[in-house]
Amino acid sequence: MTDRPRFFDDLAGMAGGAISALTGLRQEMEAIVRARIDEAIRALDLVRREEFDAMAEMAARARDGQETAEARVAALDARLAIIEARLSGLENAPKP
């Protein structure tokens, strides 16, 4: 049985260490880039898409509620006008 030269074991160990170091470096670079982009977004007063969509949905609901309230007020105004007309008719009617 021949022993494998120690040189190849050392080379494999160095390659494995280099790969893990590069992986850590890549993760660190991604974190730095992500932080810089977030800083730029905050500096420009930009909003994320999720925040924009949430606000748009909230505005749509508010608009729907306002339209419903306006319709209800219009119906109540119409009813009030009818009641006032009837009261006016009763006040102007000849007294027996």
N, C-alpha and C. Protein backbone atom coordinates (compact mmCIF):
# COMPACT_ATOMS: atom_id res chain seq x y z
N MET A 1 0.84 -1.17 0.00
CA MET A 1 0.00 0.00 0.00
C MET A 1 0.89 1.24 0.00
N THR A 2 0.60 2.12 -0.90
CA THR A 2 1.40 3.34 -0.97
C THR A 2 0.67 4.46 -0.27
N ASP A 3 1.43 5.20 0.47
CA ASP A 3 0.84 6.35 1.16
C ASP A 3 0.73 7.52 0.20
N ARG A 4 -0.34 8.21 0.35
CA ARG A 4 -0.54 9.41 -0.45
C ARG A 4 0.40 10.49 0.06
N PRO A 5 1.03 11.20 -0.84
CA PRO A 5 1.96 12.22 -0.35
C PRO A 5 1.24 13.30 0.45
N ARG A 6 1.87 13.74 1.47
CA ARG A 6 1.30 14.76 2.36
C ARG A 6 1.09 16.07 1.61
N PHE A 7 1.80 16.30 0.56
CA PHE A 7 1.68 17.51 -0.23
C PHE A 7 0.25 17.71 -0.72
N PHE A 8 -0.37 16.64 -1.22
CA PHE A 8 -1.73 16.74 -1.75
C PHE A 8 -2.75 16.99 -0.63
N ASP A 9 -2.52 16.41 0.52
CA ASP A 9 -3.40 16.67 1.67
C ASP A 9 -3.32 18.14 2.08
N ASP A 10 -2.09 18.65 2.10
CA ASP A 10 -1.91 20.07 2.45
C ASP A 10 -2.54 20.97 1.40
N LEU A 11 -2.37 20.61 0.14
CA LEU A 11 -2.96 21.41 -0.94
C LEU A 11 -4.48 21.40 -0.87
N ALA A 12 -5.06 20.26 -0.59
CA ALA A 12 -6.52 20.16 -0.46
C ALA A 12 -7.00 20.98 0.74
N GLY A 13 -6.25 20.93 1.83
CA GLY A 13 -6.62 21.72 3.01
C GLY A 13 -6.55 23.20 2.73
N MET A 14 -5.54 23.64 2.01
CA MET A 14 -5.41 25.05 1.66
C MET A 14 -6.53 25.48 0.72
N ALA A 15 -6.89 24.64 -0.23
CA ALA A 15 -7.96 24.97 -1.17
C ALA A 15 -9.29 25.08 -0.43
N GLY A 16 -9.53 24.16 0.48
CA GLY A 16 -10.77 24.22 1.28
C GLY A 16 -10.81 25.48 2.12
N GLY A 17 -9.69 25.83 2.74
CA GLY A 17 -9.64 27.06 3.54
C GLY A 17 -9.83 28.29 2.69
N ALA A 18 -9.27 28.30 1.49
CA ALA A 18 -9.43 29.45 0.60
C ALA A 18 -10.88 29.60 0.16
N ILE A 19 -11.52 28.49 -0.13
CA ILE A 19 -12.93 28.54 -0.55
C ILE A 19 -13.80 29.07 0.59
N SER A 20 -13.58 28.59 1.80
CA SER A 20 -14.39 29.08 2.91
C SER A 20 -14.10 30.55 3.19
N ALA A 21 -12.85 30.98 3.01
CA ALA A 21 -12.52 32.39 3.20
C ALA A 21 -13.20 33.24 2.13
N LEU A 22 -13.20 32.76 0.90
CA LEU A 22 -13.86 33.51 -0.18
C LEU A 22 -15.36 33.56 0.03
N THR A 23 -15.96 32.51 0.54
CA THR A 23 -17.39 32.50 0.83
C THR A 23 -17.71 33.55 1.90
N GLY A 24 -16.90 33.58 2.94
CA GLY A 24 -17.10 34.59 3.98
C GLY A 24 -16.92 35.99 3.45
N LEU A 25 -15.93 36.18 2.58
CA LEU A 25 -15.69 37.49 1.98
C LEU A 25 -16.86 37.91 1.10
N ARG A 26 -17.41 36.97 0.34
CA ARG A 26 -18.57 37.27 -0.51
C ARG A 26 -19.76 37.69 0.35
N GLN A 27 -20.02 36.98 1.43
CA GLN A 27 -21.13 37.33 2.31
C GLN A 27 -20.93 38.71 2.93
N GLU A 28 -19.70 38.99 3.32
CA GLU A 28 -19.39 40.30 3.90
C GLU A 28 -19.60 41.41 2.88
N MET A 29 -19.16 41.19 1.66
CA MET A 29 -19.34 42.19 0.60
C MET A 29 -20.82 42.41 0.30
N GLU A 30 -21.61 41.34 0.26
CA GLU A 30 -23.04 41.49 0.04
C GLU A 30 -23.68 42.32 1.15
N ALA A 31 -23.28 42.09 2.38
CA ALA A 31 -23.83 42.86 3.51
C ALA A 31 -23.45 44.33 3.39
N ILE A 32 -22.21 44.60 3.00
CA ILE A 32 -21.77 46.00 2.86
C ILE A 32 -22.53 46.69 1.74
N VAL A 33 -22.66 46.02 0.60
CA VAL A 33 -23.39 46.61 -0.54
C VAL A 33 -24.84 46.84 -0.17
N ARG A 34 -25.46 45.88 0.50
CA ARG A 34 -26.86 46.02 0.92
C ARG A 34 -27.02 47.21 1.86
N ALA A 35 -26.09 47.37 2.79
CA ALA A 35 -26.15 48.50 3.72
C ALA A 35 -26.00 49.83 2.98
N ARG A 36 -25.09 49.89 2.01
CA ARG A 36 -24.90 51.13 1.23
C ARG A 36 -26.14 51.46 0.42
N ILE A 37 -26.77 50.45 -0.17
CA ILE A 37 -27.99 50.68 -0.95
C ILE A 37 -29.11 51.17 -0.04
N ASP A 38 -29.25 50.58 1.12
CA ASP A 38 -30.27 51.03 2.07
C ASP A 38 -30.03 52.47 2.49
N GLU A 39 -28.76 52.85 2.70
CA GLU A 39 -28.44 54.23 3.05
C GLU A 39 -28.82 55.17 1.92
N ALA A 40 -28.55 54.78 0.69
CA ALA A 40 -28.89 55.61 -0.47
C ALA A 40 -30.40 55.76 -0.60
N ILE A 41 -31.11 54.70 -0.36
CA ILE A 41 -32.58 54.76 -0.45
C ILE A 41 -33.13 55.71 0.61
N ARG A 42 -32.60 55.60 1.82
CA ARG A 42 -33.06 56.51 2.88
C ARG A 42 -32.69 57.95 2.57
N ALA A 43 -31.51 58.18 2.01
CA ALA A 43 -31.08 59.54 1.69
C ALA A 43 -31.95 60.15 0.59
N LEU A 44 -32.44 59.34 -0.32
CA LEU A 44 -33.28 59.84 -1.41
C LEU A 44 -34.76 59.87 -1.05
N ASP A 45 -35.10 59.48 0.16
CA ASP A 45 -36.49 59.41 0.61
C ASP A 45 -37.34 58.51 -0.29
N LEU A 46 -36.75 57.41 -0.72
CA LEU A 46 -37.49 56.43 -1.51
C LEU A 46 -38.18 55.46 -0.57
N VAL A 47 -39.26 54.86 -1.05
CA VAL A 47 -39.96 53.86 -0.24
C VAL A 47 -39.86 52.51 -0.93
N ARG A 48 -39.97 51.49 -0.13
CA ARG A 48 -39.94 50.13 -0.69
C ARG A 48 -41.29 49.84 -1.35
N ARG A 49 -41.29 48.93 -2.27
CA ARG A 49 -42.50 48.57 -3.02
C ARG A 49 -43.60 48.09 -2.08
N GLU A 50 -43.23 47.30 -1.06
CA GLU A 50 -44.23 46.78 -0.13
C GLU A 50 -44.92 47.92 0.62
N GLU A 51 -44.13 48.92 1.03
CA GLU A 51 -44.71 50.07 1.74
C GLU A 51 -45.64 50.85 0.82
N PHE A 52 -45.21 51.04 -0.44
CA PHE A 52 -46.04 51.76 -1.40
C PHE A 52 -47.35 51.03 -1.65
N ASP A 53 -47.27 49.72 -1.84
CA ASP A 53 -48.49 48.93 -2.08
C ASP A 53 -49.43 48.99 -0.88
N ALA A 54 -48.88 48.95 0.33
CA ALA A 54 -49.72 49.01 1.53
C ALA A 54 -50.41 50.37 1.61
N MET A 55 -49.68 51.45 1.33
CA MET A 55 -50.29 52.78 1.37
C MET A 55 -51.33 52.95 0.27
N ALA A 56 -51.08 52.40 -0.92
CA ALA A 56 -52.04 52.48 -2.01
C ALA A 56 -53.33 51.75 -1.65
N GLU A 57 -53.18 50.59 -1.01
CA GLU A 57 -54.37 49.83 -0.59
C GLU A 57 -55.15 50.60 0.48
N MET A 58 -54.42 51.21 1.41
CA MET A 58 -55.08 51.99 2.46
C MET A 58 -55.82 53.18 1.85
N ALA A 59 -55.21 53.84 0.87
CA ALA A 59 -55.85 54.98 0.21
C ALA A 59 -57.10 54.53 -0.55
N ALA A 60 -57.03 53.38 -1.20
CA ALA A 60 -58.20 52.86 -1.93
C ALA A 60 -59.35 52.56 -0.96
N ARG A 61 -59.02 51.99 0.18
CA ARG A 61 -60.07 51.72 1.19
C ARG A 61 -60.68 53.02 1.70
N ALA A 62 -59.83 54.01 1.93
CA ALA A 62 -60.33 55.30 2.42
C ALA A 62 -61.23 55.94 1.37
N ARG A 63 -60.84 55.84 0.10
CA ARG A 63 -61.65 56.39 -0.98
C ARG A 63 -63.01 55.70 -1.04
N ASP A 64 -63.01 54.37 -0.91
CA ASP A 64 -64.27 53.63 -0.91
C ASP A 64 -65.15 54.05 0.26
N GLY A 65 -64.54 54.21 1.43
CA GLY A 65 -65.30 54.64 2.60
C GLY A 65 -65.86 56.04 2.42
N GLN A 66 -65.09 56.92 1.79
CA GLN A 66 -65.56 58.28 1.55
C GLN A 66 -66.73 58.28 0.58
N GLU A 67 -66.64 57.48 -0.48
CA GLU A 67 -67.74 57.41 -1.44
C GLU A 67 -69.00 56.86 -0.78
N THR A 68 -68.85 55.88 0.07
CA THR A 68 -70.00 55.32 0.79
C THR A 68 -70.61 56.37 1.70
N ALA A 69 -69.76 57.10 2.42
CA ALA A 69 -70.26 58.14 3.32
C ALA A 69 -70.95 59.26 2.55
N GLU A 70 -70.39 59.65 1.40
CA GLU A 70 -71.02 60.69 0.59
C GLU A 70 -72.39 60.25 0.09
N ALA A 71 -72.51 59.00 -0.31
CA ALA A 71 -73.81 58.48 -0.77
C ALA A 71 -74.81 58.48 0.37
N ARG A 72 -74.36 58.11 1.55
CA ARG A 72 -75.25 58.08 2.71
C ARG A 72 -75.70 59.49 3.10
N VAL A 73 -74.78 60.44 3.06
CA VAL A 73 -75.13 61.84 3.37
C VAL A 73 -76.13 62.37 2.35
N ALA A 74 -75.93 62.04 1.08
CA ALA A 74 -76.86 62.49 0.03
C ALA A 74 -78.26 61.91 0.28
N ALA A 75 -78.32 60.63 0.66
CA ALA A 75 -79.63 60.01 0.94
C ALA A 75 -80.28 60.66 2.16
N LEU A 76 -79.49 60.95 3.19
CA LEU A 76 -80.04 61.60 4.38
C LEU A 76 -80.50 63.02 4.07
N ASP A 77 -79.76 63.74 3.22
CA ASP A 77 -80.19 65.08 2.80
C ASP A 77 -81.52 65.03 2.06
N ALA A 78 -81.68 64.03 1.20
CA ALA A 78 -82.93 63.88 0.47
C ALA A 78 -84.09 63.60 1.42
N ARG A 79 -83.86 62.72 2.38
CA ARG A 79 -84.90 62.43 3.37
C ARG A 79 -85.24 63.66 4.20
N LEU A 80 -84.22 64.42 4.58
CA LEU A 80 -84.44 65.64 5.36
C LEU A 80 -85.24 66.66 4.55
N ALA A 81 -84.95 66.77 3.27
CA ALA A 81 -85.69 67.71 2.43
C ALA A 81 -87.17 67.32 2.36
N ILE A 82 -87.44 66.02 2.27
CA ILE A 82 -88.83 65.55 2.23
C ILE A 82 -89.53 65.87 3.54
N ILE A 83 -88.86 65.61 4.66
CA ILE A 83 -89.45 65.87 5.98
C ILE A 83 -89.70 67.37 6.14
N GLU A 84 -88.74 68.20 5.73
CA GLU A 84 -88.93 69.66 5.84
C GLU A 84 -90.08 70.13 4.97
N ALA A 85 -90.24 69.54 3.79
CA ALA A 85 -91.34 69.91 2.90
C ALA A 85 -92.67 69.54 3.54
N ARG A 86 -92.75 68.38 4.14
CA ARG A 86 -93.99 67.96 4.80
C ARG A 86 -94.31 68.88 5.98
N LEU A 87 -93.28 69.22 6.77
CA LEU A 87 -93.49 70.13 7.90
C LEU A 87 -93.96 71.49 7.43
N SER A 88 -93.37 71.98 6.37
CA SER A 88 -93.77 73.27 5.82
C SER A 88 -95.22 73.20 5.34
N GLY A 89 -95.59 72.07 4.73
CA GLY A 89 -96.97 71.89 4.25
C GLY A 89 -97.93 71.85 5.42
N LEU A 90 -97.53 71.24 6.54
CA LEU A 90 -98.41 71.20 7.71
C LEU A 90 -98.54 72.56 8.37
N GLU A 91 -97.49 73.33 8.36
CA GLU A 91 -97.53 74.65 8.98
C GLU A 91 -98.37 75.61 8.15
N ASN A 92 -98.37 75.44 6.83
CA ASN A 92 -99.11 76.33 5.94
C ASN A 92 -100.55 75.88 5.70
N ALA A 93 -100.88 74.71 6.19
CA ALA A 93 -102.24 74.20 5.98
C ALA A 93 -103.23 75.03 6.80
N PRO A 94 -104.46 75.20 6.26
CA PRO A 94 -105.48 75.96 7.02
C PRO A 94 -105.85 75.23 8.30
N LYS A 95 -106.02 76.00 9.34
CA LYS A 95 -106.36 75.41 10.62
C LYS A 95 -107.88 75.29 10.72
N PRO A 96 -108.38 74.19 11.17
CA PRO A 96 -109.84 74.03 11.27
C PRO A 96 -110.48 74.74 12.43
